[in-house]
């Protein structure tokens, strides 16, 4: 279980001797799943990875940070750590979320909370009579709140 190492390549620069340039692959989530030997049955972990590792840069950062001695616990822990970092460093504004929610609620929730969101979440929001603006207020109180926790708290307040 070692991340893929690509050999350095040599290039000729006009007027200079050859120099070695390290080739660094750009990973995708699918390549990370294969490289880290994550079972296709680990649906929750894979969904979390897809919600957090949204760019090639984040995929590469994940592979750089995971090291060589990893397992499911390390992988899950790093995904949650990177989720918190992304929520702090690159949050989606409440206004952007509400605008996006009108067009694509599922993707808006994934982007806003940076974790896996399914159609079941959408059904619960509807069935439980939760106002999306109340979810935004919950997130304002705790930027790291998980959608499930926000929904449960809002539902219990209604009882």
C-alpha atoms as a PDB file:
ATOM      1  CA  UNK A   1       0.000   0.000   0.000  1.00  0.00           C
ATOM      2  CA  UNK A   2       2.314   2.694  -1.192  1.00  0.00           C
ATOM      3  CA  UNK A   3       1.195   5.700  -3.206  1.00  0.00           C
ATOM      4  CA  UNK A   4       2.192   5.699  -6.828  1.00  0.00           C
ATOM      5  CA  UNK A   5       5.666   7.157  -7.353  1.00  0.00           C
ATOM      6  CA  UNK A   6       6.463   8.419 -10.815  1.00  0.00           C
ATOM      7  CA  UNK A   7      10.099   8.673 -11.872  1.00  0.00           C
ATOM      8  CA  UNK A   8      11.675  12.014 -12.647  1.00  0.00           C
ATOM      9  CA  UNK A   9      11.895  12.979 -16.276  1.00  0.00           C
ATOM     10  CA  UNK A  10      14.769  14.798 -17.929  1.00  0.00           C
ATOM     11  CA  UNK A  11      14.175  17.824 -20.145  1.00  0.00           C
ATOM     12  CA  UNK A  12      16.446  19.922 -22.292  1.00  0.00           C
ATOM     13  CA  UNK A  13      16.298  23.667 -21.631  1.00  0.00           C
ATOM     14  CA  UNK A  14      17.739  25.880 -24.388  1.00  0.00           C
ATOM     15  CA  UNK A  15      21.232  27.030 -23.471  1.00  0.00           C
ATOM     16  CA  UNK A  16      21.366  24.913 -20.307  1.00  0.00           C
ATOM     17  CA  UNK A  17      22.310  21.405 -19.405  1.00  0.00           C
ATOM     18  CA  UNK A  18      19.558  18.907 -18.911  1.00  0.00           C
ATOM     19  CA  UNK A  19      17.761  19.065 -15.636  1.00  0.00           C
ATOM     20  CA  UNK A  20      15.556  16.633 -13.785  1.00  0.00           C
ATOM     21  CA  UNK A  21      11.963  17.684 -13.336  1.00  0.00           C
ATOM     22  CA  UNK A  22       9.897  15.666 -10.926  1.00  0.00           C
ATOM     23  CA  UNK A  23       6.639  14.465 -12.425  1.00  0.00           C
ATOM     24  CA  UNK A  24       3.769  14.766 -10.016  1.00  0.00           C
ATOM     25  CA  UNK A  25       0.556  13.057 -11.061  1.00  0.00           C
ATOM     26  CA  UNK A  26      -2.771  14.758 -10.635  1.00  0.00           C
ATOM     27  CA  UNK A  27      -4.972  12.325  -8.763  1.00  0.00           C
ATOM     28  CA  UNK A  28      -8.693  11.835  -9.061  1.00  0.00           C
ATOM     29  CA  UNK A  29     -10.908  10.427  -6.339  1.00  0.00           C
ATOM     30  CA  UNK A  30     -11.228   7.212  -8.341  1.00  0.00           C
ATOM     31  CA  UNK A  31      -7.426   6.862  -8.525  1.00  0.00           C
ATOM     32  CA  UNK A  32      -7.146   7.487  -4.784  1.00  0.00           C
ATOM     33  CA  UNK A  33      -9.715   4.766  -4.120  1.00  0.00           C
ATOM     34  CA  UNK A  34      -7.645   2.302  -6.151  1.00  0.00           C
ATOM     35  CA  UNK A  35      -4.279   3.473  -4.788  1.00  0.00           C
ATOM     36  CA  UNK A  36      -5.422   3.332  -1.158  1.00  0.00           C
ATOM     37  CA  UNK A  37      -7.176  -0.005  -1.756  1.00  0.00           C
ATOM     38  CA  UNK A  38     -10.531   1.271  -0.507  1.00  0.00           C
ATOM     39  CA  UNK A  39     -13.297  -1.278  -0.900  1.00  0.00           C
ATOM     40  CA  UNK A  40     -16.069  -0.334  -3.321  1.00  0.00           C
ATOM     41  CA  UNK A  41     -18.408  -1.322  -0.454  1.00  0.00           C
ATOM     42  CA  UNK A  42     -17.159   1.603   1.681  1.00  0.00           C
ATOM     43  CA  UNK A  43     -19.890   3.797   0.252  1.00  0.00           C
ATOM     44  CA  UNK A  44     -19.979   6.359   3.083  1.00  0.00           C
ATOM     45  CA  UNK A  45     -16.204   6.887   2.947  1.00  0.00           C
ATOM     46  CA  UNK A  46     -16.217   7.185  -0.841  1.00  0.00           C
ATOM     47  CA  UNK A  47     -19.099   9.659  -0.739  1.00  0.00           C
ATOM     48  CA  UNK A  48     -17.252  11.728   1.875  1.00  0.00           C
ATOM     49  CA  UNK A  49     -14.120  11.692  -0.256  1.00  0.00           C
ATOM     50  CA  UNK A  50     -16.082  12.911  -3.279  1.00  0.00           C
ATOM     51  CA  UNK A  51     -17.628  15.706  -1.211  1.00  0.00           C
ATOM     52  CA  UNK A  52     -14.275  16.949   0.138  1.00  0.00           C
ATOM     53  CA  UNK A  53     -11.786  16.151  -2.634  1.00  0.00           C
ATOM     54  CA  UNK A  54     -13.454  18.288  -5.274  1.00  0.00           C
ATOM     55  CA  UNK A  55     -10.352  19.430  -7.167  1.00  0.00           C
ATOM     56  CA  UNK A  56      -7.155  17.871  -8.436  1.00  0.00           C
ATOM     57  CA  UNK A  57      -5.215  20.024  -5.990  1.00  0.00           C
ATOM     58  CA  UNK A  58      -7.202  18.672  -3.036  1.00  0.00           C
ATOM     59  CA  UNK A  59      -6.736  15.103  -4.301  1.00  0.00           C
ATOM     60  CA  UNK A  60      -2.983  15.656  -4.562  1.00  0.00           C
ATOM     61  CA  UNK A  61      -2.892  17.259  -1.119  1.00  0.00           C
ATOM     62  CA  UNK A  62      -4.717  14.245   0.292  1.00  0.00           C
ATOM     63  CA  UNK A  63      -2.187  11.837  -1.248  1.00  0.00           C
ATOM     64  CA  UNK A  64       0.712  13.972   0.010  1.00  0.00           C
ATOM     65  CA  UNK A  65      -0.690  14.005   3.535  1.00  0.00           C
ATOM     66  CA  UNK A  66      -1.856  10.406   3.867  1.00  0.00           C
ATOM     67  CA  UNK A  67       1.689   9.025   3.906  1.00  0.00           C
ATOM     68  CA  UNK A  68       2.669   5.429   3.319  1.00  0.00           C
ATOM     69  CA  UNK A  69       1.213   3.649   6.350  1.00  0.00           C
ATOM     70  CA  UNK A  70      -2.515   4.228   6.037  1.00  0.00           C
ATOM     71  CA  UNK A  71      -5.696   2.372   6.786  1.00  0.00           C
ATOM     72  CA  UNK A  72      -9.418   3.108   6.814  1.00  0.00           C
ATOM     73  CA  UNK A  73      -9.214   5.004  10.094  1.00  0.00           C
ATOM     74  CA  UNK A  74      -6.363   7.231   8.877  1.00  0.00           C
ATOM     75  CA  UNK A  75      -8.122   7.875   5.583  1.00  0.00           C
ATOM     76  CA  UNK A  76     -11.424   8.755   7.254  1.00  0.00           C
ATOM     77  CA  UNK A  77      -9.658  10.945   9.827  1.00  0.00           C
ATOM     78  CA  UNK A  78      -7.788  12.872   7.144  1.00  0.00           C
ATOM     79  CA  UNK A  79     -10.967  13.376   5.117  1.00  0.00           C
ATOM     80  CA  UNK A  80     -12.720  14.862   8.172  1.00  0.00           C
ATOM     81  CA  UNK A  81      -9.696  17.030   8.964  1.00  0.00           C
ATOM     82  CA  UNK A  82      -9.589  18.333   5.391  1.00  0.00           C
ATOM     83  CA  UNK A  83     -13.365  18.924   5.519  1.00  0.00           C
ATOM     84  CA  UNK A  84     -12.961  21.152   8.564  1.00  0.00           C
ATOM     85  CA  UNK A  85     -10.068  22.994   6.931  1.00  0.00           C
ATOM     86  CA  UNK A  86     -12.082  23.596   3.764  1.00  0.00           C
ATOM     87  CA  UNK A  87     -15.084  24.826   5.748  1.00  0.00           C
ATOM     88  CA  UNK A  88     -12.800  27.313   7.493  1.00  0.00           C
ATOM     89  CA  UNK A  89     -10.622  28.367   4.551  1.00  0.00           C
ATOM     90  CA  UNK A  90     -13.090  28.160   1.685  1.00  0.00           C
ATOM     91  CA  UNK A  91     -16.663  28.374   2.985  1.00  0.00           C
ATOM     92  CA  UNK A  92     -19.634  28.839   0.707  1.00  0.00           C
ATOM     93  CA  UNK A  93     -21.515  32.033   1.528  1.00  0.00           C
ATOM     94  CA  UNK A  94     -25.039  31.682   2.856  1.00  0.00           C
ATOM     95  CA  UNK A  95     -26.379  33.744  -0.048  1.00  0.00           C
ATOM     96  CA  UNK A  96     -24.611  31.589  -2.638  1.00  0.00           C
ATOM     97  CA  UNK A  97     -25.919  28.479  -0.915  1.00  0.00           C
ATOM     98  CA  UNK A  98     -29.509  29.712  -0.970  1.00  0.00           C
ATOM     99  CA  UNK A  99     -29.219  30.692  -4.644  1.00  0.00           C
ATOM    100  CA  UNK A 100     -27.697  27.325  -5.571  1.00  0.00           C
ATOM    101  CA  UNK A 101     -30.273  25.497  -3.437  1.00  0.00           C
ATOM    102  CA  UNK A 102     -33.042  26.852  -5.655  1.00  0.00           C
ATOM    103  CA  UNK A 103     -31.368  25.304  -8.731  1.00  0.00           C
ATOM    104  CA  UNK A 104     -29.796  22.120  -7.366  1.00  0.00           C
ATOM    105  CA  UNK A 105     -30.576  21.434  -3.689  1.00  0.00           C
ATOM    106  CA  UNK A 106     -28.543  18.237  -3.454  1.00  0.00           C
ATOM    107  CA  UNK A 107     -25.334  19.757  -4.860  1.00  0.00           C
ATOM    108  CA  UNK A 108     -25.858  22.924  -2.821  1.00  0.00           C
ATOM    109  CA  UNK A 109     -26.028  20.926   0.416  1.00  0.00           C
ATOM    110  CA  UNK A 110     -22.941  18.879  -0.547  1.00  0.00           C
ATOM    111  CA  UNK A 111     -20.966  22.023  -1.305  1.00  0.00           C
ATOM    112  CA  UNK A 112     -22.210  23.956   1.726  1.00  0.00           C
ATOM    113  CA  UNK A 113     -21.586  21.179   4.269  1.00  0.00           C
ATOM    114  CA  UNK A 114     -18.700  19.488   2.412  1.00  0.00           C
ATOM    115  CA  UNK A 115     -19.910  15.996   3.133  1.00  0.00           C
ATOM    116  CA  UNK A 116     -22.048  13.343   1.558  1.00  0.00           C
ATOM    117  CA  UNK A 117     -25.694  14.266   1.090  1.00  0.00           C
ATOM    118  CA  UNK A 118     -28.260  11.915  -0.408  1.00  0.00           C
ATOM    119  CA  UNK A 119     -31.801  12.133  -1.674  1.00  0.00           C
ATOM    120  CA  UNK A 120     -32.874  10.729   1.700  1.00  0.00           C
ATOM    121  CA  UNK A 121     -31.672  13.983   3.301  1.00  0.00           C
ATOM    122  CA  UNK A 122     -33.857  15.935   0.907  1.00  0.00           C
ATOM    123  CA  UNK A 123     -36.856  13.757   1.717  1.00  0.00           C
ATOM    124  CA  UNK A 124     -36.319  14.194   5.472  1.00  0.00           C
ATOM    125  CA  UNK A 125     -36.072  17.962   5.131  1.00  0.00           C
ATOM    126  CA  UNK A 126     -39.394  17.913   3.310  1.00  0.00           C
ATOM    127  CA  UNK A 127     -41.087  15.305   5.532  1.00  0.00           C
ATOM    128  CA  UNK A 128     -39.900  16.941   8.755  1.00  0.00           C
ATOM    129  CA  UNK A 129     -41.038  20.389   7.596  1.00  0.00           C
ATOM    130  CA  UNK A 130     -37.578  21.909   8.018  1.00  0.00           C
ATOM    131  CA  UNK A 131     -37.075  25.377   6.570  1.00  0.00           C
ATOM    132  CA  UNK A 132     -33.786  25.623   4.694  1.00  0.00           C
ATOM    133  CA  UNK A 133     -33.163  29.049   6.245  1.00  0.00           C
ATOM    134  CA  UNK A 134     -33.192  27.374   9.671  1.00  0.00           C
ATOM    135  CA  UNK A 135     -30.435  25.060   8.457  1.00  0.00           C
ATOM    136  CA  UNK A 136     -28.437  28.140   7.401  1.00  0.00           C
ATOM    137  CA  UNK A 137     -28.897  29.594  10.891  1.00  0.00           C
ATOM    138  CA  UNK A 138     -27.647  26.344  12.463  1.00  0.00           C
ATOM    139  CA  UNK A 139     -24.564  26.463  10.234  1.00  0.00           C
ATOM    140  CA  UNK A 140     -23.921  30.085  11.242  1.00  0.00           C
ATOM    141  CA  UNK A 141     -23.815  28.941  14.868  1.00  0.00           C
ATOM    142  CA  UNK A 142     -21.439  26.045  14.147  1.00  0.00           C
ATOM    143  CA  UNK A 143     -19.593  26.065  10.823  1.00  0.00           C
ATOM    144  CA  UNK A 144     -18.546  22.414  11.302  1.00  0.00           C
ATOM    145  CA  UNK A 145     -22.052  21.112  11.984  1.00  0.00           C
ATOM    146  CA  UNK A 146     -23.027  17.989  10.095  1.00  0.00           C
ATOM    147  CA  UNK A 147     -26.268  18.233   8.120  1.00  0.00           C
ATOM    148  CA  UNK A 148     -27.706  15.231  10.001  1.00  0.00           C
ATOM    149  CA  UNK A 149     -27.109  16.933  13.355  1.00  0.00           C
ATOM    150  CA  UNK A 150     -28.661  20.204  12.178  1.00  0.00           C
ATOM    151  CA  UNK A 151     -31.699  18.390  10.836  1.00  0.00           C
ATOM    152  CA  UNK A 152     -32.189  16.353  14.022  1.00  0.00           C
ATOM    153  CA  UNK A 153     -31.935  19.415  16.222  1.00  0.00           C
ATOM    154  CA  UNK A 154     -34.413  21.350  14.103  1.00  0.00           C
ATOM    155  CA  UNK A 155     -36.808  18.409  14.029  1.00  0.00           C
ATOM    156  CA  UNK A 156     -36.660  17.967  17.811  1.00  0.00           C
ATOM    157  CA  UNK A 157     -37.377  21.670  18.330  1.00  0.00           C
ATOM    158  CA  UNK A 158     -40.652  21.180  16.455  1.00  0.00           C
ATOM    159  CA  UNK A 159     -41.846  18.394  18.773  1.00  0.00           C
END
